[in-house]
Amino acid sequence: MKSKIINVFTIVSCIAFAIISSCNNNPKPKPAASTQQPEAYKQVSPLFNEDSAFYFVEKQVSFGPRVVETPEHKKCGDWLVSEFKKYATM
């Protein structure tokens, strides 16, 4: 009998918690959408190009199976690092 009371109390407590936590009496207003980005957030990466994306995927696949600790894995990793360095800003 005591365990039934505890189970009912637990279920009621969980339901009450769910109801209370879903209530939001003070919704925060959403900030107005800005069409201009701050200077610090200007895009510095190149625009997306489908042909370039296909080239990068094709190049990675051309190394063969890139199982860890194989020459193909090392070559692909070295190539990726060299490509990333081209786009890095320092």
Protein backbone atom coordinates (compact mmCIF):
# COMPACT_ATOMS: atom_id res chain seq x y z
CA MET A 1 0.00 0.00 0.00
CA LYS A 2 2.83 2.36 0.91
CA SER A 3 4.63 1.71 -2.41
CA LYS A 4 1.42 2.50 -4.34
CA ILE A 5 1.21 5.86 -2.59
CA ILE A 6 4.85 6.58 -3.40
CA ASN A 7 4.33 5.60 -7.07
CA VAL A 8 1.23 7.80 -7.36
CA PHE A 9 3.05 10.68 -5.66
CA THR A 10 6.00 10.28 -8.05
CA ILE A 11 3.76 10.28 -11.12
CA VAL A 12 1.77 13.29 -9.92
CA SER A 13 5.01 15.15 -9.10
CA CYS A 14 6.41 14.46 -12.59
CA ILE A 15 3.20 15.64 -14.27
CA ALA A 16 3.10 18.78 -12.11
CA PHE A 17 6.74 19.53 -12.89
CA ALA A 18 6.12 19.09 -16.64
CA ILE A 19 3.12 21.44 -16.54
CA ILE A 20 4.89 24.09 -14.48
CA SER A 21 8.07 23.99 -16.57
CA SER A 22 6.09 24.35 -19.80
CA CYS A 23 4.41 27.54 -18.57
CA ASN A 24 6.28 30.68 -19.48
CA ASN A 25 4.74 33.80 -17.95
CA ASN A 26 7.52 36.13 -19.09
CA PRO A 27 8.36 35.33 -22.69
CA LYS A 28 11.41 37.24 -23.83
CA PRO A 29 10.84 39.33 -26.93
CA LYS A 30 12.79 38.19 -29.94
CA PRO A 31 15.32 40.73 -31.16
CA ALA A 32 14.53 42.33 -34.49
CA ALA A 33 16.23 40.63 -37.38
CA SER A 34 19.08 42.68 -38.69
CA THR A 35 19.92 42.62 -42.36
CA GLN A 36 23.44 43.90 -41.78
CA GLN A 37 26.10 41.87 -40.04
CA PRO A 38 28.53 43.55 -37.67
CA GLU A 39 31.94 44.13 -39.17
CA ALA A 40 33.47 41.34 -37.04
CA TYR A 41 31.08 38.81 -38.57
CA LYS A 42 31.52 39.51 -42.25
CA GLN A 43 31.98 36.39 -44.36
CA VAL A 44 35.63 35.73 -45.04
CA SER A 45 35.26 32.28 -46.56
CA PRO A 46 34.76 31.76 -50.27
CA LEU A 47 31.22 31.40 -51.53
CA PHE A 48 29.92 27.86 -52.00
CA ASN A 49 30.53 26.47 -55.46
CA GLU A 50 29.09 23.11 -56.50
CA ASP A 51 31.96 22.35 -58.87
CA SER A 52 34.58 23.07 -56.22
CA ALA A 53 32.73 20.94 -53.67
CA PHE A 54 32.61 18.05 -56.12
CA TYR A 55 36.33 18.49 -56.82
CA PHE A 56 37.21 18.32 -53.10
CA VAL A 57 35.15 15.15 -52.61
CA GLU A 58 36.56 13.60 -55.77
CA LYS A 59 40.12 14.42 -54.65
CA GLN A 60 39.61 12.82 -51.22
CA VAL A 61 38.14 9.68 -52.75
CA SER A 62 41.02 9.48 -55.25
CA PHE A 63 43.43 8.66 -52.42
CA GLY A 64 41.71 5.29 -52.04
CA PRO A 65 40.49 3.72 -48.81
CA ARG A 66 41.67 6.00 -46.02
CA VAL A 67 42.07 3.47 -43.25
CA VAL A 68 43.92 4.91 -40.26
CA GLU A 69 47.72 4.48 -40.34
CA THR A 70 47.85 3.67 -44.08
CA PRO A 71 49.76 5.70 -46.70
CA GLU A 72 46.43 6.75 -48.28
CA HIS A 73 45.24 8.13 -44.95
CA LYS A 74 48.48 10.09 -44.49
CA LYS A 75 48.41 11.48 -48.05
CA CYS A 76 44.79 12.58 -47.73
CA GLY A 77 45.47 14.19 -44.36
CA ASP A 78 48.47 16.07 -45.71
CA TRP A 79 46.42 17.28 -48.68
CA LEU A 80 43.59 18.45 -46.39
CA VAL A 81 46.04 20.37 -44.18
CA SER A 82 47.55 22.07 -47.22
CA GLU A 83 44.06 23.04 -48.47
CA PHE A 84 43.03 24.39 -45.05
CA LYS A 85 46.19 26.49 -44.86
CA LYS A 86 45.20 28.17 -48.13
CA TYR A 87 41.99 29.45 -46.50
CA ALA A 88 43.42 30.22 -43.04
CA THR A 89 43.60 33.83 -42.03
CA MET A 90 46.45 34.78 -39.75
